[in-house]
Amino acid sequence: MQYWVYLLLATVAEVIATSALKATEDFTKFWPTLIVVIGYVIAFYFLTLSLKQIPIGVAYAVWAGLGIVFISLIGWWLYGQMLDLPAMLGIALILAGVLVINLFSKSAGH
């Protein structure tokens, strides 16, 4: 269970860092740039810790899949970026894939 917490922390840090990318204005704004750098360092640190127990393919699928969902929601909330029906359907399929891996795969290292 601890390794899944590491993966969740990695995902949260990556989402924070990615969310701050737009605010860096091509890395010309100091504070948003610092958030991006620190966020990615934290994300990769915890991702590395999660790989001690979770297979890399599973960890990356969960990390990327949840990241896509959260970033899409933040893009809508913070920046008013709307998604069309095919984009929402694609994101729903990604989320379904993450759920299938976690609920049914023996490779997930539960």
Protein backbone atom coordinates (compact mmCIF):
# COMPACT_ATOMS: atom_id res chain seq x y z
CA MET A 1 0.00 0.00 0.00
CA GLN A 2 2.86 2.38 0.79
CA TYR A 3 4.11 2.22 -2.81
CA TRP A 4 0.70 3.24 -4.11
CA VAL A 5 0.81 6.25 -1.79
CA TYR A 6 4.19 7.12 -3.32
CA LEU A 7 2.63 6.86 -6.76
CA LEU A 8 -0.25 9.10 -5.71
CA LEU A 9 2.21 11.68 -4.33
CA ALA A 10 4.17 11.50 -7.60
CA THR A 11 0.97 12.11 -9.54
CA VAL A 12 -0.09 15.07 -7.39
CA ALA A 13 3.37 16.67 -7.68
CA GLU A 14 3.37 16.16 -11.45
CA VAL A 15 -0.10 17.69 -11.77
CA ILE A 16 0.95 20.74 -9.73
CA ALA A 17 4.10 21.16 -11.81
CA THR A 18 2.30 20.74 -15.12
CA SER A 19 -0.46 23.12 -14.03
CA ALA A 20 2.16 25.79 -13.32
CA LEU A 21 3.77 25.46 -16.77
CA LYS A 22 1.39 27.91 -18.44
CA ALA A 23 2.03 30.51 -15.74
CA THR A 24 5.81 30.40 -16.35
CA GLU A 25 5.26 32.32 -19.62
CA ASP A 26 8.10 30.48 -21.37
CA PHE A 27 10.06 30.23 -18.11
CA THR A 28 10.29 34.01 -17.75
CA LYS A 29 8.38 34.12 -14.45
CA PHE A 30 10.49 33.03 -11.48
CA TRP A 31 7.93 31.65 -9.01
CA PRO A 32 5.90 29.54 -11.43
CA THR A 33 9.16 28.22 -12.90
CA LEU A 34 10.35 27.27 -9.42
CA ILE A 35 7.06 25.45 -8.79
CA VAL A 36 7.53 23.52 -12.04
CA VAL A 37 11.10 22.48 -11.25
CA ILE A 38 10.41 21.51 -7.64
CA GLY A 39 7.17 19.74 -8.61
CA TYR A 40 8.87 17.59 -11.22
CA VAL A 41 11.76 16.73 -8.89
CA ILE A 42 9.28 15.61 -6.24
CA ALA A 43 7.20 13.74 -8.84
CA PHE A 44 10.13 11.75 -10.19
CA TYR A 45 11.47 11.07 -6.69
CA PHE A 46 8.19 9.51 -5.56
CA LEU A 47 7.71 7.75 -8.89
CA THR A 48 11.12 6.16 -8.38
CA LEU A 49 10.14 5.02 -4.88
CA SER A 50 6.92 3.49 -6.19
CA LEU A 51 8.90 1.42 -8.71
CA LYS A 52 10.41 -0.65 -5.89
CA GLN A 53 7.11 -2.54 -5.76
CA ILE A 54 4.94 -1.53 -8.71
CA PRO A 55 5.97 -2.64 -12.21
CA ILE A 56 7.14 0.31 -14.31
CA GLY A 57 4.48 -0.14 -17.00
CA VAL A 58 1.68 -0.21 -14.46
CA ALA A 59 3.11 2.72 -12.48
CA TYR A 60 3.53 4.83 -15.59
CA ALA A 61 0.05 3.98 -16.88
CA VAL A 62 -1.53 5.00 -13.57
CA TRP A 63 0.67 8.10 -13.24
CA ALA A 64 0.02 9.30 -16.78
CA GLY A 65 -3.66 8.34 -16.81
CA LEU A 66 -4.53 10.10 -13.58
CA GLY A 67 -2.36 13.04 -14.62
CA ILE A 68 -4.32 13.43 -17.86
CA VAL A 69 -7.63 13.41 -16.02
CA PHE A 70 -6.51 15.89 -13.35
CA ILE A 71 -4.76 18.22 -15.81
CA SER A 72 -7.86 18.27 -18.01
CA LEU A 73 -10.00 19.25 -15.03
CA ILE A 74 -7.53 21.94 -13.96
CA GLY A 75 -7.32 23.27 -17.53
CA TRP A 76 -11.09 23.63 -17.51
CA TRP A 77 -11.24 25.15 -14.01
CA LEU A 78 -8.26 27.55 -14.16
CA TYR A 79 -8.01 28.38 -17.84
CA GLY A 80 -11.54 27.81 -19.15
CA GLN A 81 -10.30 25.20 -21.61
CA MET A 82 -13.27 23.21 -22.82
CA LEU A 83 -13.09 19.65 -24.11
CA ASP A 84 -15.32 18.33 -26.88
CA LEU A 85 -17.15 15.02 -26.64
CA PRO A 86 -14.42 12.92 -28.34
CA ALA A 87 -11.80 14.34 -25.94
CA MET A 88 -13.98 13.58 -22.91
CA LEU A 89 -14.67 10.08 -24.23
CA GLY A 90 -10.95 9.46 -24.74
CA ILE A 91 -10.16 10.65 -21.22
CA ALA A 92 -12.92 8.43 -19.84
CA LEU A 93 -11.37 5.45 -21.64
CA ILE A 94 -7.96 6.29 -20.15
CA LEU A 95 -9.51 6.44 -16.68
CA ALA A 96 -11.29 3.14 -17.34
CA GLY A 97 -7.95 1.61 -18.30
CA VAL A 98 -6.38 2.78 -15.05
CA LEU A 99 -9.28 1.26 -13.12
CA VAL A 100 -9.02 -2.05 -14.99
CA ILE A 101 -5.30 -2.25 -14.22
CA ASN A 102 -5.83 -1.52 -10.54
CA LEU A 103 -8.87 -3.68 -10.01
CA PHE A 104 -8.16 -6.71 -12.16
CA SER A 105 -4.50 -6.96 -13.17
CA LYS A 106 -2.22 -9.31 -11.31
CA SER A 107 0.69 -7.26 -12.68
CA ALA A 108 -0.34 -4.29 -10.53
CA GLY A 109 1.56 -5.61 -7.52
CA HIS A 110 -1.31 -5.50 -5.02
